[in-house]
Amino acid sequence: MPIEYGRESNQEVGITMHSHSPETGDYITSTDICTIMLYEKIAKWKQHIVMSKDYVSIWNCETNQLVMLTKQAWERIYKTSKKGIPISEDNKSKVL
């Protein structure tokens, strides 16, 4: 099912995310990465996050790099950071 976003308002959607159920596994999959890489430039995504019960996978669409955190570490960083988690290395992008 296609989902339209950002076109009418010329709004960029910098961050996308989805979650994995226990049946899918804890980690981002190769299929996830291939799909993200297929659409990231066209959609102008900056980051994609995959959340599971125990882990958070953060794919940087600008550098094609993956960072993996435990869910516990993610929650600690998010709760203690006043600005949130930067979504790109240039520090010009929005934060979570």
PDB file of N, CA and C in Angstrom:
ATOM      1  N   MET A   1       0.827  -1.159   0.000  1.00  0.00           N
ATOM      2  CA  MET A   1       0.000   0.000   0.000  1.00  0.00           C
ATOM      3  C   MET A   1       0.888   1.244   0.000  1.00  0.00           C
ATOM      4  N   PRO A   2       0.824   2.077  -1.017  1.00  0.00           N
ATOM      5  CA  PRO A   2       1.653   3.288  -1.048  1.00  0.00           C
ATOM      6  C   PRO A   2       1.145   4.325  -0.048  1.00  0.00           C
ATOM      7  N   ILE A   3       2.085   5.024   0.558  1.00  0.00           N
ATOM      8  CA  ILE A   3       1.748   6.095   1.500  1.00  0.00           C
ATOM      9  C   ILE A   3       2.397   7.369   0.990  1.00  0.00           C
ATOM     10  N   GLU A   4       1.600   8.349   0.654  1.00  0.00           N
ATOM     11  CA  GLU A   4       2.106   9.642   0.180  1.00  0.00           C
ATOM     12  C   GLU A   4       2.442  10.507   1.389  1.00  0.00           C
ATOM     13  N   TYR A   5       3.532  11.234   1.290  1.00  0.00           N
ATOM     14  CA  TYR A   5       3.888  12.141   2.372  1.00  0.00           C
ATOM     15  C   TYR A   5       4.725  13.273   1.823  1.00  0.00           C
ATOM     16  N   GLY A   6       4.585  14.453   2.425  1.00  0.00           N
ATOM     17  CA  GLY A   6       5.453  15.580   2.128  1.00  0.00           C
ATOM     18  C   GLY A   6       5.279  16.237   0.784  1.00  0.00           C
ATOM     19  N   ARG A   7       4.564  15.669  -0.141  1.00  0.00           N
ATOM     20  CA  ARG A   7       4.478  16.235  -1.486  1.00  0.00           C
ATOM     21  C   ARG A   7       3.664  17.517  -1.542  1.00  0.00           C
ATOM     22  N   GLU A   8       2.509  17.522  -0.922  1.00  0.00           N
ATOM     23  CA  GLU A   8       1.634  18.684  -1.000  1.00  0.00           C
ATOM     24  C   GLU A   8       2.210  19.890  -0.280  1.00  0.00           C
ATOM     25  N   SER A   9       2.885  19.682   0.807  1.00  0.00           N
ATOM     26  CA  SER A   9       3.397  20.790   1.598  1.00  0.00           C
ATOM     27  C   SER A   9       4.877  21.066   1.338  1.00  0.00           C
ATOM     28  N   ASN A  10       5.486  20.354   0.392  1.00  0.00           N
ATOM     29  CA  ASN A  10       6.926  20.478   0.124  1.00  0.00           C
ATOM     30  C   ASN A  10       7.759  20.216   1.376  1.00  0.00           C
ATOM     31  N   GLN A  11       7.244  19.386   2.232  1.00  0.00           N
ATOM     32  CA  GLN A  11       7.888  19.077   3.487  1.00  0.00           C
ATOM     33  C   GLN A  11       8.815  17.885   3.316  1.00  0.00           C
ATOM     34  N   GLU A  12      10.021  17.985   3.871  1.00  0.00           N
ATOM     35  CA  GLU A  12      10.938  16.848   3.850  1.00  0.00           C
ATOM     36  C   GLU A  12      10.680  15.966   5.056  1.00  0.00           C
ATOM     37  N   VAL A  13      10.705  14.673   4.841  1.00  0.00           N
ATOM     38  CA  VAL A  13      10.590  13.713   5.929  1.00  0.00           C
ATOM     39  C   VAL A  13      11.995  13.161   6.158  1.00  0.00           C
ATOM     40  N   GLY A  14      12.670  13.689   7.161  1.00  0.00           N
ATOM     41  CA  GLY A  14      14.064  13.341   7.380  1.00  0.00           C
ATOM     42  C   GLY A  14      14.282  11.997   8.037  1.00  0.00           C
ATOM     43  N   ILE A  15      13.353  11.595   8.885  1.00  0.00           N
ATOM     44  CA  ILE A  15      13.522  10.357   9.637  1.00  0.00           C
ATOM     45  C   ILE A  15      12.327   9.445   9.393  1.00  0.00           C
ATOM     46  N   THR A  16      12.636   8.190   9.109  1.00  0.00           N
ATOM     47  CA  THR A  16      11.590   7.183   8.993  1.00  0.00           C
ATOM     48  C   THR A  16      11.931   6.057   9.968  1.00  0.00           C
ATOM     49  N   MET A  17      10.951   5.257  10.293  1.00  0.00           N
ATOM     50  CA  MET A  17      11.222   4.149  11.205  1.00  0.00           C
ATOM     51  C   MET A  17      10.189   3.064  11.029  1.00  0.00           C
ATOM     52  N   HIS A  18      10.568   1.882  11.453  1.00  0.00           N
ATOM     53  CA  HIS A  18       9.626   0.784  11.580  1.00  0.00           C
ATOM     54  C   HIS A  18      10.097  -0.109  12.719  1.00  0.00           C
ATOM     55  N   SER A  19       9.234  -0.986  13.129  1.00  0.00           N
ATOM     56  CA  SER A  19       9.592  -1.874  14.231  1.00  0.00           C
ATOM     57  C   SER A  19       9.593  -3.327  13.762  1.00  0.00           C
ATOM     58  N   HIS A  20      10.330  -4.131  14.485  1.00  0.00           N
ATOM     59  CA  HIS A  20      10.376  -5.569  14.223  1.00  0.00           C
ATOM     60  C   HIS A  20       9.692  -6.311  15.355  1.00  0.00           C
ATOM     61  N   SER A  21       8.860  -7.245  14.997  1.00  0.00           N
ATOM     62  CA  SER A  21       8.258  -8.130  15.992  1.00  0.00           C
ATOM     63  C   SER A  21       9.291  -9.207  16.334  1.00  0.00           C
ATOM     64  N   PRO A  22       9.088  -9.922  17.407  1.00  0.00           N
ATOM     65  CA  PRO A  22      10.037 -10.982  17.766  1.00  0.00           C
ATOM     66  C   PRO A  22      10.259 -12.000  16.638  1.00  0.00           C
ATOM     67  N   GLU A  23       9.243 -12.233  15.826  1.00  0.00           N
ATOM     68  CA  GLU A  23       9.384 -13.190  14.724  1.00  0.00           C
ATOM     69  C   GLU A  23      10.360 -12.693  13.652  1.00  0.00           C
ATOM     70  N   THR A  24      10.461 -11.377  13.495  1.00  0.00           N
ATOM     71  CA  THR A  24      11.345 -10.794  12.485  1.00  0.00           C
ATOM     72  C   THR A  24      12.791 -10.785  12.940  1.00  0.00           C
ATOM     73  N   GLY A  25      13.002 -10.680  14.241  1.00  0.00           N
ATOM     74  CA  GLY A  25      14.353 -10.647  14.780  1.00  0.00           C
ATOM     75  C   GLY A  25      14.679  -9.296  15.393  1.00  0.00           C
ATOM     76  N   ASP A  26      15.801  -9.265  16.102  1.00  0.00           N
ATOM     77  CA  ASP A  26      16.202  -8.057  16.823  1.00  0.00           C
ATOM     78  C   ASP A  26      16.892  -7.010  15.971  1.00  0.00           C
ATOM     79  N   TYR A  27      17.441  -7.404  14.841  1.00  0.00           N
ATOM     80  CA  TYR A  27      18.323  -6.517  14.099  1.00  0.00           C
ATOM     81  C   TYR A  27      17.723  -6.101  12.761  1.00  0.00           C
ATOM     82  N   ILE A  28      18.214  -4.982  12.240  1.00  0.00           N
ATOM     83  CA  ILE A  28      17.855  -4.565  10.895  1.00  0.00           C
ATOM     84  C   ILE A  28      18.267  -5.680   9.936  1.00  0.00           C
ATOM     85  N   THR A  29      17.473  -5.926   8.917  1.00  0.00           N
ATOM     86  CA  THR A  29      17.783  -7.026   7.987  1.00  0.00           C
ATOM     87  C   THR A  29      18.439  -6.483   6.715  1.00  0.00           C
ATOM     88  N   SER A  30      19.038  -7.368   5.956  1.00  0.00           N
ATOM     89  CA  SER A  30      19.620  -6.965   4.670  1.00  0.00           C
ATOM     90  C   SER A  30      18.525  -6.458   3.731  1.00  0.00           C
ATOM     91  N   THR A  31      17.335  -7.033   3.829  1.00  0.00           N
ATOM     92  CA  THR A  31      16.205  -6.560   3.022  1.00  0.00           C
ATOM     93  C   THR A  31      15.830  -5.143   3.424  1.00  0.00           C
ATOM     94  N   ASP A  32      15.830  -4.849   4.724  1.00  0.00           N
ATOM     95  CA  ASP A  32      15.569  -3.485   5.198  1.00  0.00           C
ATOM     96  C   ASP A  32      16.569  -2.509   4.579  1.00  0.00           C
ATOM     97  N   ILE A  33      17.848  -2.852   4.663  1.00  0.00           N
ATOM     98  CA  ILE A  33      18.898  -1.960   4.170  1.00  0.00           C
ATOM     99  C   ILE A  33      18.778  -1.752   2.665  1.00  0.00           C
ATOM    100  N   CYS A  34      18.535  -2.815   1.925  1.00  0.00           N
ATOM    101  CA  CYS A  34      18.382  -2.685   0.469  1.00  0.00           C
ATOM    102  C   CYS A  34      17.188  -1.802   0.113  1.00  0.00           C
ATOM    103  N   THR A  35      16.086  -1.982   0.810  1.00  0.00           N
ATOM    104  CA  THR A  35      14.898  -1.174   0.549  1.00  0.00           C
ATOM    105  C   THR A  35      15.144   0.291   0.895  1.00  0.00           C
ATOM    106  N   ILE A  36      15.788   0.529   2.027  1.00  0.00           N
ATOM    107  CA  ILE A  36      16.114   1.902   2.420  1.00  0.00           C
ATOM    108  C   ILE A  36      17.015   2.545   1.374  1.00  0.00           C
ATOM    109  N   MET A  37      18.057   1.832   0.957  1.00  0.00           N
ATOM    110  CA  MET A  37      18.995   2.391  -0.032  1.00  0.00           C
ATOM    111  C   MET A  37      18.314   2.640  -1.380  1.00  0.00           C
ATOM    112  N   LEU A  38      17.315   1.855  -1.703  1.00  0.00           N
ATOM    113  CA  LEU A  38      16.591   2.031  -2.951  1.00  0.00           C
ATOM    114  C   LEU A  38      15.805   3.345  -2.950  1.00  0.00           C
ATOM    115  N   TYR A  39      15.227   3.697  -1.820  1.00  0.00           N
ATOM    116  CA  TYR A  39      14.340   4.862  -1.754  1.00  0.00           C
ATOM    117  C   TYR A  39      14.927   6.098  -1.079  1.00  0.00           C
ATOM    118  N   GLU A  40      16.033   5.981  -0.351  1.00  0.00           N
ATOM    119  CA  GLU A  40      16.521   7.080   0.477  1.00  0.00           C
ATOM    120  C   GLU A  40      16.847   8.362  -0.292  1.00  0.00           C
ATOM    121  N   LYS A  41      17.442   8.249  -1.433  1.00  0.00           N
ATOM    122  CA  LYS A  41      17.817   9.459  -2.193  1.00  0.00           C
ATOM    123  C   LYS A  41      16.594  10.117  -2.827  1.00  0.00           C
ATOM    124  N   ILE A  42      15.705   9.312  -3.381  1.00  0.00           N
ATOM    125  CA  ILE A  42      14.496   9.839  -4.009  1.00  0.00           C
ATOM    126  C   ILE A  42      13.614  10.524  -2.963  1.00  0.00           C
ATOM    127  N   ALA A  43      13.473   9.889  -1.816  1.00  0.00           N
ATOM    128  CA  ALA A  43      12.603  10.416  -0.759  1.00  0.00           C
ATOM    129  C   ALA A  43      13.298  11.455   0.119  1.00  0.00           C
ATOM    130  N   LYS A  44      14.608  11.616  -0.078  1.00  0.00           N
ATOM    131  CA  LYS A  44      15.415  12.575   0.685  1.00  0.00           C
ATOM    132  C   LYS A  44      15.414  12.266   2.181  1.00  0.00           C
ATOM    133  N   TRP A  45      15.460  10.969   2.501  1.00  0.00           N
ATOM    134  CA  TRP A  45      15.556  10.570   3.895  1.00  0.00           C
ATOM    135  C   TRP A  45      16.963  10.834   4.396  1.00  0.00           C
ATOM    136  N   LYS A  46      17.071  11.139   5.662  1.00  0.00           N
ATOM    137  CA  LYS A  46      18.370  11.338   6.282  1.00  0.00           C
ATOM    138  C   LYS A  46      18.728  10.175   7.207  1.00  0.00           C
ATOM    139  N   GLN A  47      17.680   9.539   7.760  1.00  0.00           N
ATOM    140  CA  GLN A  47      17.929   8.475   8.728  1.00  0.00           C
ATOM    141  C   GLN A  47      16.733   7.533   8.771  1.00  0.00           C
ATOM    142  N   HIS A  48      17.021   6.261   9.019  1.00  0.00           N
ATOM    143  CA  HIS A  48      15.954   5.288   9.231  1.00  0.00           C
ATOM    144  C   HIS A  48      16.274   4.497  10.494  1.00  0.00           C
ATOM    145  N   ILE A  49      15.268   4.314  11.330  1.00  0.00           N
ATOM    146  CA  ILE A  49      15.433   3.626  12.603  1.00  0.00           C
ATOM    147  C   ILE A  49      14.588   2.359  12.597  1.00  0.00           C
ATOM    148  N   VAL A  50      15.194   1.260  13.025  1.00  0.00           N
ATOM    149  CA  VAL A  50      14.472  -0.006  13.195  1.00  0.00           C
ATOM    150  C   VAL A  50      14.532  -0.346  14.677  1.00  0.00           C
ATOM    151  N   MET A  51      13.354  -0.476  15.279  1.00  0.00           N
ATOM    152  CA  MET A  51      13.285  -0.779  16.711  1.00  0.00           C
ATOM    153  C   MET A  51      12.744  -2.189  16.926  1.00  0.00           C
ATOM    154  N   SER A  52      13.391  -2.899  17.821  1.00  0.00           N
ATOM    155  CA  SER A  52      12.888  -4.208  18.236  1.00  0.00           C
ATOM    156  C   SER A  52      12.782  -4.196  19.757  1.00  0.00           C
ATOM    157  N   LYS A  53      12.447  -5.307  20.319  1.00  0.00           N
ATOM    158  CA  LYS A  53      12.279  -5.384  21.767  1.00  0.00           C
ATOM    159  C   LYS A  53      13.568  -5.033  22.511  1.00  0.00           C
ATOM    160  N   ASP A  54      14.723  -5.481  21.998  1.00  0.00           N
ATOM    161  CA  ASP A  54      15.983  -5.318  22.721  1.00  0.00           C
ATOM    162  C   ASP A  54      17.021  -4.424  22.048  1.00  0.00           C
ATOM    163  N   TYR A  55      16.827  -4.070  20.765  1.00  0.00           N
ATOM    164  CA  TYR A  55      17.842  -3.312  20.033  1.00  0.00           C
ATOM    165  C   TYR A  55      17.227  -2.208  19.184  1.00  0.00           C
ATOM    166  N   VAL A  56      18.060  -1.189  18.895  1.00  0.00           N
ATOM    167  CA  VAL A  56      17.693  -0.111  17.980  1.00  0.00           C
ATOM    168  C   VAL A  56      18.791  -0.040  16.926  1.00  0.00           C
ATOM    169  N   SER A  57      18.409  -0.127  15.663  1.00  0.00           N
ATOM    170  CA  SER A  57      19.339  -0.004  14.542  1.00  0.00           C
ATOM    171  C   SER A  57      19.086   1.348  13.888  1.00  0.00           C
ATOM    172  N   ILE A  58      20.152   2.140  13.710  1.00  0.00           N
ATOM    173  CA  ILE A  58      20.019   3.464  13.120  1.00  0.00           C
ATOM    174  C   ILE A  58      20.842   3.495  11.833  1.00  0.00           C
ATOM    175  N   TRP A  59      20.162   3.631  10.694  1.00  0.00           N
ATOM    176  CA  TRP A  59      20.822   3.686   9.393  1.00  0.00           C
ATOM    177  C   TRP A  59      20.940   5.145   8.978  1.00  0.00           C
ATOM    178  N   ASN A  60      22.168   5.624   8.745  1.00  0.00           N
ATOM    179  CA  ASN A  60      22.408   6.976   8.271  1.00  0.00           C
ATOM    180  C   ASN A  60      22.353   6.944   6.747  1.00  0.00           C
ATOM    181  N   CYS A  61      21.324   7.536   6.181  1.00  0.00           N
ATOM    182  CA  CYS A  61      21.120   7.506   4.727  1.00  0.00           C
ATOM    183  C   CYS A  61      22.115   8.375   3.976  1.00  0.00           C
ATOM    184  N   GLU A  62      22.716   9.335   4.649  1.00  0.00           N
ATOM    185  CA  GLU A  62      23.678  10.218   3.991  1.00  0.00           C
ATOM    186  C   GLU A  62      25.045   9.566   3.854  1.00  0.00           C
ATOM    187  N   THR A  63      25.413   8.710   4.820  1.00  0.00           N
ATOM    188  CA  THR A  63      26.740   8.085   4.792  1.00  0.00           C
ATOM    189  C   THR A  63      26.682   6.575   4.584  1.00  0.00           C
ATOM    190  N   ASN A  64      25.447   6.014   4.553  1.00  0.00           N
ATOM    191  CA  ASN A  64      25.257   4.566   4.445  1.00  0.00           C
ATOM    192  C   ASN A  64      26.010   3.819   5.535  1.00  0.00           C
ATOM    193  N   GLN A  65      25.865   4.308   6.759  1.00  0.00           N
ATOM    194  CA  GLN A  65      26.482   3.661   7.905  1.00  0.00           C
ATOM    195  C   GLN A  65      25.410   3.233   8.896  1.00  0.00           C
ATOM    196  N   LEU A  66      25.684   2.149   9.585  1.00  0.00           N
ATOM    197  CA  LEU A  66      24.752   1.575  10.546  1.00  0.00           C
ATOM    198  C   LEU A  66      25.319   1.679  11.954  1.00  0.00           C
ATOM    199  N   VAL A  67      24.470   2.111  12.887  1.00  0.00           N
ATOM    200  CA  VAL A  67      24.808   2.129  14.303  1.00  0.00           C
ATOM    201  C   VAL A  67      23.776   1.270  15.009  1.00  0.00           C
ATOM    202  N   MET A  68      24.245   0.396  15.883  1.00  0.00           N
ATOM    203  CA  MET A  68      23.332  -0.471  16.628  1.00  0.00           C
ATOM    204  C   MET A  68      23.510  -0.176  18.107  1.00  0.00           C
ATOM    205  N   LEU A  69      22.390  -0.028  18.794  1.00  0.00           N
ATOM    206  CA  LEU A  69      22.396   0.217  20.229  1.00  0.00           C
ATOM    207  C   LEU A  69      21.455  -0.770  20.902  1.00  0.00           C
ATOM    208  N   THR A  70      21.725  -1.047  22.154  1.00  0.00           N
ATOM    209  CA  THR A  70      20.724  -1.782  22.911  1.00  0.00           C
ATOM    210  C   THR A  70      19.564  -0.828  23.160  1.00  0.00           C
ATOM    211  N   LYS A  71      18.397  -1.353  23.358  1.00  0.00           N
ATOM    212  CA  LYS A  71      17.227  -0.511  23.641  1.00  0.00           C
ATOM    213  C   LYS A  71      17.459   0.267  24.935  1.00  0.00           C
ATOM    214  N   GLN A  72      18.129  -0.367  25.891  1.00  0.00           N
ATOM    215  CA  GLN A  72      18.433   0.286  27.158  1.00  0.00           C
ATOM    216  C   GLN A  72      19.344   1.497  26.942  1.00  0.00           C
ATOM    217  N   ALA A  73      20.372   1.360  26.120  1.00  0.00           N
ATOM    218  CA  ALA A  73      21.272   2.481  25.829  1.00  0.00           C
ATOM    219  C   ALA A  73      20.526   3.591  25.098  1.00  0.00           C
ATOM    220  N   TRP A  74      19.695   3.217  24.125  1.00  0.00           N
ATOM    221  CA  TRP A  74      18.895   4.185  23.371  1.00  0.00           C
ATOM    222  C   TRP A  74      18.021   5.014  24.319  1.00  0.00           C
ATOM    223  N   GLU A  75      17.340   4.335  25.224  1.00  0.00           N
ATOM    224  CA  GLU A  75      16.453   5.032  26.157  1.00  0.00           C
ATOM    225  C   GLU A  75      17.232   5.948  27.098  1.00  0.00           C
ATOM    226  N   ARG A  76      18.409   5.508  27.541  1.00  0.00           N
ATOM    227  CA  ARG A  76      19.243   6.354  28.399  1.00  0.00           C
ATOM    228  C   ARG A  76      19.713   7.599  27.661  1.00  0.00           C
ATOM    229  N   ILE A  77      20.193   7.422  26.434  1.00  0.00           N
ATOM    230  CA  ILE A  77      20.652   8.565  25.633  1.00  0.00           C
ATOM    231  C   ILE A  77      19.503   9.526  25.385  1.00  0.00           C
ATOM    232  N   TYR A  78      18.374   9.002  24.992  1.00  0.00           N
ATOM    233  CA  TYR A  78      17.227   9.838  24.666  1.00  0.00           C
ATOM    234  C   TYR A  78      16.732  10.609  25.891  1.00  0.00           C
ATOM    235  N   LYS A  79      16.674   9.963  27.032  1.00  0.00           N
ATOM    236  CA  LYS A  79      16.182  10.603  28.246  1.00  0.00           C
ATOM    237  C   LYS A  79      17.150  11.641  28.801  1.00  0.00           C
ATOM    238  N   THR A  80      18.460  11.420  28.671  1.00  0.00           N
ATOM    239  CA  THR A  80      19.434  12.333  29.261  1.00  0.00           C
ATOM    240  C   THR A  80      19.864  13.453  28.329  1.00  0.00           C
ATOM    241  N   SER A  81      19.581  13.313  27.048  1.00  0.00           N
ATOM    242  CA  SER A  81      19.994  14.332  26.090  1.00  0.00           C
ATOM    243  C   SER A  81      18.962  15.453  26.039  1.00  0.00           C
ATOM    244  N   LYS A  82      19.407  16.675  26.216  1.00  0.00           N
ATOM    245  CA  LYS A  82      18.486  17.810  26.152  1.00  0.00           C
ATOM    246  C   LYS A  82      18.062  18.106  24.726  1.00  0.00           C
ATOM    247  N   LYS A  83      18.932  17.838  23.770  1.00  0.00           N
ATOM    248  CA  LYS A  83      18.649  18.144  22.372  1.00  0.00           C
ATOM    249  C   LYS A  83      18.147  16.940  21.603  1.00  0.00           C
ATOM    250  N   GLY A  84      18.185  15.791  22.174  1.00  0.00           N
ATOM    251  CA  GLY A  84      17.813  14.584  21.444  1.00  0.00           C
ATOM    252  C   GLY A  84      19.021  13.960  20.785  1.00  0.00           C
ATOM    253  N   ILE A  85      18.789  13.127  19.812  1.00  0.00           N
ATOM    254  CA  ILE A  85      19.864  12.426  19.112  1.00  0.00           C
ATOM    255  C   ILE A  85      20.013  13.033  17.729  1.00  0.00           C
ATOM    256  N   PRO A  86      21.197  13.575  17.380  1.00  0.00           N
ATOM    257  CA  PRO A  86      21.382  14.175  16.051  1.00  0.00           C
ATOM    258  C   PRO A  86      21.122  13.164  14.951  1.00  0.00           C
ATOM    259  N   ILE A  87      20.537  13.633  13.850  1.00  0.00           N
ATOM    260  CA  ILE A  87      20.235  12.713  12.767  1.00  0.00           C
ATOM    261  C   ILE A  87      21.262  12.773  11.645  1.00  0.00           C
ATOM    262  N   SER A  88      22.209  13.705  11.728  1.00  0.00           N
ATOM    263  CA  SER A  88      23.278  13.713  10.737  1.00  0.00           C
ATOM    264  C   SER A  88      24.529  14.308  11.354  1.00  0.00           C
ATOM    265  N   GLU A  89      25.649  14.088  10.707  1.00  0.00           N
ATOM    266  CA  GLU A  89      26.920  14.517  11.250  1.00  0.00           C
ATOM    267  C   GLU A  89      27.157  16.011  11.106  1.00  0.00           C
ATOM    268  N   ASP A  90      26.436  16.695  10.217  1.00  0.00           N
ATOM    269  CA  ASP A  90      26.692  18.103   9.980  1.00  0.00           C
ATOM    270  C   ASP A  90      26.085  19.019  11.037  1.00  0.00           C
ATOM    271  N   ASN A  91      25.321  18.462  11.970  1.00  0.00           N
ATOM    272  CA  ASN A  91      24.670  19.190  13.053  1.00  0.00           C
ATOM    273  C   ASN A  91      23.734  20.289  12.570  1.00  0.00           C
ATOM    274  N   LYS A  92      23.380  20.273  11.305  1.00  0.00           N
ATOM    275  CA  LYS A  92      22.436  21.246  10.777  1.00  0.00           C
ATOM    276  C   LYS A  92      21.037  20.659  10.688  1.00  0.00           C
ATOM    277  N   SER A  93      20.945  19.365  10.811  1.00  0.00           N
ATOM    278  CA  SER A  93      19.669  18.688  10.679  1.00  0.00           C
ATOM    279  C   SER A  93      18.923  18.689  11.993  1.00  0.00           C
ATOM    280  N   LYS A  94      17.677  18.372  11.920  1.00  0.00           N
ATOM    281  CA  LYS A  94      16.838  18.311  13.112  1.00  0.00           C
ATOM    282  C   LYS A  94      17.285  17.162  14.000  1.00  0.00           C
ATOM    283  N   VAL A  95      16.827  17.220  15.227  1.00  0.00           N
ATOM    284  CA  VAL A  95      17.119  16.148  16.165  1.00  0.00           C
ATOM    285  C   VAL A  95      15.835  15.462  16.562  1.00  0.00           C
ATOM    286  N   LEU A  96      15.969  14.235  17.044  1.00  0.00           N
ATOM    287  CA  LEU A  96      14.807  13.483  17.526  1.00  0.00           C
ATOM    288  C   LEU A  96      14.297  14.096  18.805  1.00  0.00           C
TER     289      LEU A  96
END
